[in-house]
Amino acid sequence: MAYNMNWSKVVIESDCLPLVQACRKERVIGEVQMIVSDILTMADGFIHCGFSWVQHQGNQVAHHLAKSFSRGGLPLYWVSNLPHWLKALATKDMFPSAAAPATVAPSLVLERSRL
């Protein structure tokens, strides 16, 4: 998605620490190393591509997007017209404290790309 939207700098977040470490070239996971190699090849297409570990609780957007996609529940233009439930989850991911802002700009949500 980031490549198709012509983004040049991305940070990919995952709640799978071994995978993040493999993408950072800090460890090798033999069973999925070919997939990691594909990820790193794609990462080379960006000016900057970082990999970051997040706790599972901070990964709700990716979890719900994957679930909605598998059920066919994402509208065709969901990236440019974010569903309200996605904005709410992104706000919760980005600002987990009770003092979170009421809204988040779509550009902030989309910068939080995840594995």
C-alpha atoms as a PDB file:
ATOM      1  CA  MET A   1       0.000   0.000   0.000  1.00  0.00           C
ATOM      2  CA  ALA A   2       2.756   2.460   0.932  1.00  0.00           C
ATOM      3  CA  TYR A   3       4.535   1.758  -2.341  1.00  0.00           C
ATOM      4  CA  ASN A   4       1.342   2.188  -4.384  1.00  0.00           C
ATOM      5  CA  MET A   5       0.668   5.506  -2.652  1.00  0.00           C
ATOM      6  CA  ASN A   6       4.196   6.698  -3.561  1.00  0.00           C
ATOM      7  CA  TRP A   7       5.307   7.169   0.031  1.00  0.00           C
ATOM      8  CA  SER A   8       9.069   7.474   0.325  1.00  0.00           C
ATOM      9  CA  LYS A   9       9.466   7.057   4.100  1.00  0.00           C
ATOM     10  CA  VAL A  10       7.653   4.401   6.106  1.00  0.00           C
ATOM     11  CA  VAL A  11       7.827   2.698   9.467  1.00  0.00           C
ATOM     12  CA  ILE A  12       6.369  -0.785   9.536  1.00  0.00           C
ATOM     13  CA  GLU A  13       5.144  -1.909  12.935  1.00  0.00           C
ATOM     14  CA  SER A  14       4.476  -5.419  14.136  1.00  0.00           C
ATOM     15  CA  ASP A  15       3.690  -7.103  17.433  1.00  0.00           C
ATOM     16  CA  CYS A  16       5.907 -10.045  16.395  1.00  0.00           C
ATOM     17  CA  LEU A  17       9.292  -9.215  17.919  1.00  0.00           C
ATOM     18  CA  PRO A  18      11.247 -12.039  16.199  1.00  0.00           C
ATOM     19  CA  LEU A  19       9.957 -10.876  12.808  1.00  0.00           C
ATOM     20  CA  VAL A  20      10.887  -7.247  13.526  1.00  0.00           C
ATOM     21  CA  GLN A  21      14.350  -8.396  14.607  1.00  0.00           C
ATOM     22  CA  ALA A  22      14.719 -10.433  11.414  1.00  0.00           C
ATOM     23  CA  CYS A  23      13.694  -7.420   9.302  1.00  0.00           C
ATOM     24  CA  ARG A  24      16.289  -5.342  11.164  1.00  0.00           C
ATOM     25  CA  LYS A  25      18.839  -8.072  10.371  1.00  0.00           C
ATOM     26  CA  GLU A  26      19.336  -8.739  14.091  1.00  0.00           C
ATOM     27  CA  ARG A  27      18.398 -12.419  13.838  1.00  0.00           C
ATOM     28  CA  VAL A  28      17.589 -15.141  11.326  1.00  0.00           C
ATOM     29  CA  ILE A  29      14.365 -17.128  11.356  1.00  0.00           C
ATOM     30  CA  GLY A  30      15.033 -20.059   9.068  1.00  0.00           C
ATOM     31  CA  GLU A  31      11.383 -21.011   8.542  1.00  0.00           C
ATOM     32  CA  VAL A  32      10.425 -17.623   7.100  1.00  0.00           C
ATOM     33  CA  GLN A  33      13.747 -16.227   5.936  1.00  0.00           C
ATOM     34  CA  MET A  34      12.656 -16.198   2.283  1.00  0.00           C
ATOM     35  CA  ILE A  35       9.645 -14.054   3.217  1.00  0.00           C
ATOM     36  CA  VAL A  36      11.890 -11.750   5.260  1.00  0.00           C
ATOM     37  CA  SER A  37      14.195 -11.479   2.233  1.00  0.00           C
ATOM     38  CA  ASP A  38      11.191 -10.427   0.111  1.00  0.00           C
ATOM     39  CA  ILE A  39      10.230  -7.843   2.743  1.00  0.00           C
ATOM     40  CA  LEU A  40      13.764  -6.421   2.754  1.00  0.00           C
ATOM     41  CA  THR A  41      13.824  -6.275  -1.045  1.00  0.00           C
ATOM     42  CA  MET A  42      10.599  -4.277  -0.999  1.00  0.00           C
ATOM     43  CA  ALA A  43      11.970  -2.074   1.808  1.00  0.00           C
ATOM     44  CA  ASP A  44      14.885  -1.116  -0.439  1.00  0.00           C
ATOM     45  CA  GLY A  45      12.360   0.673  -2.660  1.00  0.00           C
ATOM     46  CA  PHE A  46      11.851   3.397  -0.035  1.00  0.00           C
ATOM     47  CA  ILE A  47      14.147   6.262   0.911  1.00  0.00           C
ATOM     48  CA  HIS A  48      13.619   5.157   4.517  1.00  0.00           C
ATOM     49  CA  CYS A  49      11.938   2.010   5.763  1.00  0.00           C
ATOM     50  CA  GLY A  50      12.114   1.277   9.470  1.00  0.00           C
ATOM     51  CA  PHE A  51      10.810  -1.682  11.417  1.00  0.00           C
ATOM     52  CA  SER A  52       9.363  -1.205  14.870  1.00  0.00           C
ATOM     53  CA  TRP A  53       7.963  -3.555  17.501  1.00  0.00           C
ATOM     54  CA  VAL A  54       4.690  -2.563  19.189  1.00  0.00           C
ATOM     55  CA  GLN A  55       2.757  -4.301  21.921  1.00  0.00           C
ATOM     56  CA  HIS A  56      -0.256  -6.292  20.778  1.00  0.00           C
ATOM     57  CA  GLN A  57      -2.567  -3.712  22.343  1.00  0.00           C
ATOM     58  CA  GLY A  58      -1.039  -1.058  20.063  1.00  0.00           C
ATOM     59  CA  ASN A  59      -1.686  -3.100  16.941  1.00  0.00           C
ATOM     60  CA  GLN A  60      -5.476  -3.063  16.839  1.00  0.00           C
ATOM     61  CA  VAL A  61      -5.735  -1.183  13.531  1.00  0.00           C
ATOM     62  CA  ALA A  62      -3.800  -3.865  11.661  1.00  0.00           C
ATOM     63  CA  HIS A  63      -5.725  -6.645  13.393  1.00  0.00           C
ATOM     64  CA  HIS A  64      -9.136  -5.197  12.527  1.00  0.00           C
ATOM     65  CA  LEU A  65      -8.099  -4.259   8.978  1.00  0.00           C
ATOM     66  CA  ALA A  66      -6.991  -7.827   8.321  1.00  0.00           C
ATOM     67  CA  LYS A  67     -10.203  -9.196   9.797  1.00  0.00           C
ATOM     68  CA  SER A  68     -12.362  -6.786   7.740  1.00  0.00           C
ATOM     69  CA  PHE A  69     -10.436  -7.554   4.560  1.00  0.00           C
ATOM     70  CA  SER A  70     -10.861 -11.301   5.009  1.00  0.00           C
ATOM     71  CA  ARG A  71     -14.623 -10.790   5.381  1.00  0.00           C
ATOM     72  CA  GLY A  72     -14.831  -8.442   2.385  1.00  0.00           C
ATOM     73  CA  GLY A  73     -15.825  -5.593   4.683  1.00  0.00           C
ATOM     74  CA  LEU A  74     -13.530  -2.824   3.433  1.00  0.00           C
ATOM     75  CA  PRO A  75     -14.925  -0.287   0.979  1.00  0.00           C
ATOM     76  CA  LEU A  76     -13.046   0.135  -2.290  1.00  0.00           C
ATOM     77  CA  TYR A  77     -11.657   3.582  -1.401  1.00  0.00           C
ATOM     78  CA  TRP A  78     -11.084   2.996   2.314  1.00  0.00           C
ATOM     79  CA  VAL A  79      -7.593   4.565   2.229  1.00  0.00           C
ATOM     80  CA  SER A  80      -8.811   7.983   1.098  1.00  0.00           C
ATOM     81  CA  ASN A  81     -12.105   7.788   3.001  1.00  0.00           C
ATOM     82  CA  LEU A  82     -11.335   6.090   6.316  1.00  0.00           C
ATOM     83  CA  PRO A  83     -14.238   4.352   8.034  1.00  0.00           C
ATOM     84  CA  HIS A  84     -15.148   5.883  11.419  1.00  0.00           C
ATOM     85  CA  TRP A  85     -14.330   2.642  13.270  1.00  0.00           C
ATOM     86  CA  LEU A  86     -10.817   2.726  11.788  1.00  0.00           C
ATOM     87  CA  LYS A  87     -10.249   6.326  12.882  1.00  0.00           C
ATOM     88  CA  ALA A  88     -11.358   5.429  16.404  1.00  0.00           C
ATOM     89  CA  LEU A  89      -9.011   2.422  16.565  1.00  0.00           C
ATOM     90  CA  ALA A  90      -6.116   4.465  15.201  1.00  0.00           C
ATOM     91  CA  THR A  91      -6.708   7.103  17.845  1.00  0.00           C
ATOM     92  CA  LYS A  92      -6.677   4.406  20.512  1.00  0.00           C
ATOM     93  CA  ASP A  93      -3.464   2.880  19.079  1.00  0.00           C
ATOM     94  CA  MET A  94      -1.688   6.225  18.867  1.00  0.00           C
ATOM     95  CA  PHE A  95      -2.967   7.730  22.130  1.00  0.00           C
ATOM     96  CA  PRO A  96      -3.702   4.876  24.552  1.00  0.00           C
ATOM     97  CA  SER A  97      -4.174   7.171  27.568  1.00  0.00           C
ATOM     98  CA  ALA A  98      -7.588   8.389  28.610  1.00  0.00           C
ATOM     99  CA  ALA A  99      -6.556  11.921  27.658  1.00  0.00           C
ATOM    100  CA  ALA A 100      -6.413  11.047  23.966  1.00  0.00           C
ATOM    101  CA  PRO A 101      -7.499  13.601  21.383  1.00  0.00           C
ATOM    102  CA  ALA A 102     -10.993  13.074  20.002  1.00  0.00           C
ATOM    103  CA  THR A 103      -9.884  12.818  16.367  1.00  0.00           C
ATOM    104  CA  VAL A 104      -6.810  11.919  14.358  1.00  0.00           C
ATOM    105  CA  ALA A 105      -6.000  13.253  10.917  1.00  0.00           C
ATOM    106  CA  PRO A 106      -6.145  10.522   8.228  1.00  0.00           C
ATOM    107  CA  SER A 107      -2.533  11.218   7.286  1.00  0.00           C
ATOM    108  CA  LEU A 108      -1.429  10.262  10.807  1.00  0.00           C
ATOM    109  CA  VAL A 109      -3.407   7.064  10.643  1.00  0.00           C
ATOM    110  CA  LEU A 110      -1.908   6.042   7.325  1.00  0.00           C
ATOM    111  CA  GLU A 111       1.641   6.683   8.526  1.00  0.00           C
ATOM    112  CA  ARG A 112       1.141   3.929  11.067  1.00  0.00           C
ATOM    113  CA  SER A 113       1.604   1.133   8.509  1.00  0.00           C
ATOM    114  CA  ARG A 114       1.950  -2.329  10.073  1.00  0.00           C
ATOM    115  CA  LEU A 115       3.126  -5.733   9.093  1.00  0.00           C
END
